[in-house]
Amino acid sequence: MHVDNSVKLIGDLLFGLDNSLKTLNTVRPAGQVLVDNWACLKFMVRDLEHYILKYMQVQLSAESTFYGA
């Protein structure tokens, strides 16, 4: 349920409250490619992973300092 709510929140932020559900529930017709631009998708995933890992490292460092681990 947490993942569903997170995806909905991201959709709301990206597409606006009025268009979010319609956009997220839209599926491509059978036989059509899943991704139009694989290079763009790979770049976005790598970029996202970079920032998530950076955030996680900062978070873990802060927690270890706070809890004295």
C-alpha atoms as a PDB file:
ATOM      1  CA  MET A   1       0.000   0.000   0.000  1.00  0.00           C
ATOM      2  CA  HIS A   2       2.909   2.355   0.773  1.00  0.00           C
ATOM      3  CA  VAL A   3       4.312   1.895  -2.740  1.00  0.00           C
ATOM      4  CA  ASP A   4       0.890   2.588  -4.283  1.00  0.00           C
ATOM      5  CA  ASN A   5       0.570   5.809  -2.305  1.00  0.00           C
ATOM      6  CA  SER A   6       4.109   6.844  -3.209  1.00  0.00           C
ATOM      7  CA  VAL A   7       3.471   6.275  -6.922  1.00  0.00           C
ATOM      8  CA  LYS A   8       0.225   8.253  -6.683  1.00  0.00           C
ATOM      9  CA  LEU A   9       2.046  11.127  -4.958  1.00  0.00           C
ATOM     10  CA  ILE A  10       4.747  11.149  -7.643  1.00  0.00           C
ATOM     11  CA  GLY A  11       2.030  11.110 -10.319  1.00  0.00           C
ATOM     12  CA  ASP A  12       0.267  14.027  -8.636  1.00  0.00           C
ATOM     13  CA  LEU A  13       3.505  16.013  -8.552  1.00  0.00           C
ATOM     14  CA  LEU A  14       4.456  15.219 -12.153  1.00  0.00           C
ATOM     15  CA  PHE A  15       1.096  15.380 -13.903  1.00  0.00           C
ATOM     16  CA  GLY A  16      -1.073  17.458 -11.560  1.00  0.00           C
ATOM     17  CA  LEU A  17      -4.040  16.370  -9.480  1.00  0.00           C
ATOM     18  CA  ASP A  18      -6.461  16.444 -12.416  1.00  0.00           C
ATOM     19  CA  ASN A  19      -4.381  14.321 -14.802  1.00  0.00           C
ATOM     20  CA  SER A  20      -2.533  12.021 -12.412  1.00  0.00           C
ATOM     21  CA  LEU A  21      -4.871   9.013 -12.221  1.00  0.00           C
ATOM     22  CA  LYS A  22      -5.721   9.129 -15.925  1.00  0.00           C
ATOM     23  CA  THR A  23      -2.047   9.222 -16.886  1.00  0.00           C
ATOM     24  CA  LEU A  24      -0.948   6.527 -14.432  1.00  0.00           C
ATOM     25  CA  ASN A  25      -3.745   4.180 -15.519  1.00  0.00           C
ATOM     26  CA  THR A  26      -3.070   4.603 -19.241  1.00  0.00           C
ATOM     27  CA  VAL A  27      -1.605   1.488 -20.867  1.00  0.00           C
ATOM     28  CA  ARG A  28      -0.081   1.057 -24.292  1.00  0.00           C
ATOM     29  CA  PRO A  29      -1.851  -1.043 -26.900  1.00  0.00           C
ATOM     30  CA  ALA A  30      -0.696  -4.638 -27.363  1.00  0.00           C
ATOM     31  CA  GLY A  31       2.310  -4.894 -29.650  1.00  0.00           C
ATOM     32  CA  GLN A  32       3.562  -1.369 -29.001  1.00  0.00           C
ATOM     33  CA  VAL A  33       7.001  -0.995 -27.424  1.00  0.00           C
ATOM     34  CA  LEU A  34       7.110  -0.430 -23.682  1.00  0.00           C
ATOM     35  CA  VAL A  35       9.714   2.341 -23.797  1.00  0.00           C
ATOM     36  CA  ASP A  36      10.251   4.759 -26.692  1.00  0.00           C
ATOM     37  CA  ASN A  37      13.755   5.867 -25.743  1.00  0.00           C
ATOM     38  CA  TRP A  38      15.824   3.286 -23.855  1.00  0.00           C
ATOM     39  CA  ALA A  39      18.862   5.578 -23.626  1.00  0.00           C
ATOM     40  CA  CYS A  40      16.768   8.205 -21.853  1.00  0.00           C
ATOM     41  CA  LEU A  41      15.299   5.616 -19.473  1.00  0.00           C
ATOM     42  CA  LYS A  42      18.752   4.226 -18.618  1.00  0.00           C
ATOM     43  CA  PHE A  43      20.052   7.740 -17.972  1.00  0.00           C
ATOM     44  CA  MET A  44      17.109   8.584 -15.719  1.00  0.00           C
ATOM     45  CA  VAL A  45      17.449   5.337 -13.738  1.00  0.00           C
ATOM     46  CA  ARG A  46      21.198   5.829 -13.246  1.00  0.00           C
ATOM     47  CA  ASP A  47      20.654   9.430 -12.194  1.00  0.00           C
ATOM     48  CA  LEU A  48      17.915   8.455  -9.755  1.00  0.00           C
ATOM     49  CA  GLU A  49      20.037   5.640  -8.309  1.00  0.00           C
ATOM     50  CA  HIS A  50      22.934   8.073  -7.849  1.00  0.00           C
ATOM     51  CA  TYR A  51      20.846  10.522  -5.831  1.00  0.00           C
ATOM     52  CA  ILE A  52      19.090   7.815  -3.823  1.00  0.00           C
ATOM     53  CA  LEU A  53      22.404   6.187  -2.880  1.00  0.00           C
ATOM     54  CA  LYS A  54      23.875   9.580  -1.980  1.00  0.00           C
ATOM     55  CA  TYR A  55      20.857  10.336   0.223  1.00  0.00           C
ATOM     56  CA  MET A  56      21.024   6.898   1.867  1.00  0.00           C
ATOM     57  CA  GLN A  57      24.714   7.365   2.706  1.00  0.00           C
ATOM     58  CA  VAL A  58      24.020  10.747   4.303  1.00  0.00           C
ATOM     59  CA  GLN A  59      21.060   9.290   6.203  1.00  0.00           C
ATOM     60  CA  LEU A  60      23.074   6.330   7.520  1.00  0.00           C
ATOM     61  CA  SER A  61      25.912   8.624   8.545  1.00  0.00           C
ATOM     62  CA  ALA A  62      23.529  10.911  10.415  1.00  0.00           C
ATOM     63  CA  GLU A  63      21.846   7.978  12.152  1.00  0.00           C
ATOM     64  CA  SER A  64      25.137   6.457  13.256  1.00  0.00           C
ATOM     65  CA  THR A  65      26.219   9.835  14.651  1.00  0.00           C
ATOM     66  CA  PHE A  66      22.897  10.350  16.408  1.00  0.00           C
ATOM     67  CA  TYR A  67      22.668   6.856  17.900  1.00  0.00           C
ATOM     68  CA  GLY A  68      26.381   6.609  18.648  1.00  0.00           C
ATOM     69  CA  ALA A  69      26.889   3.458  16.602  1.00  0.00           C
END
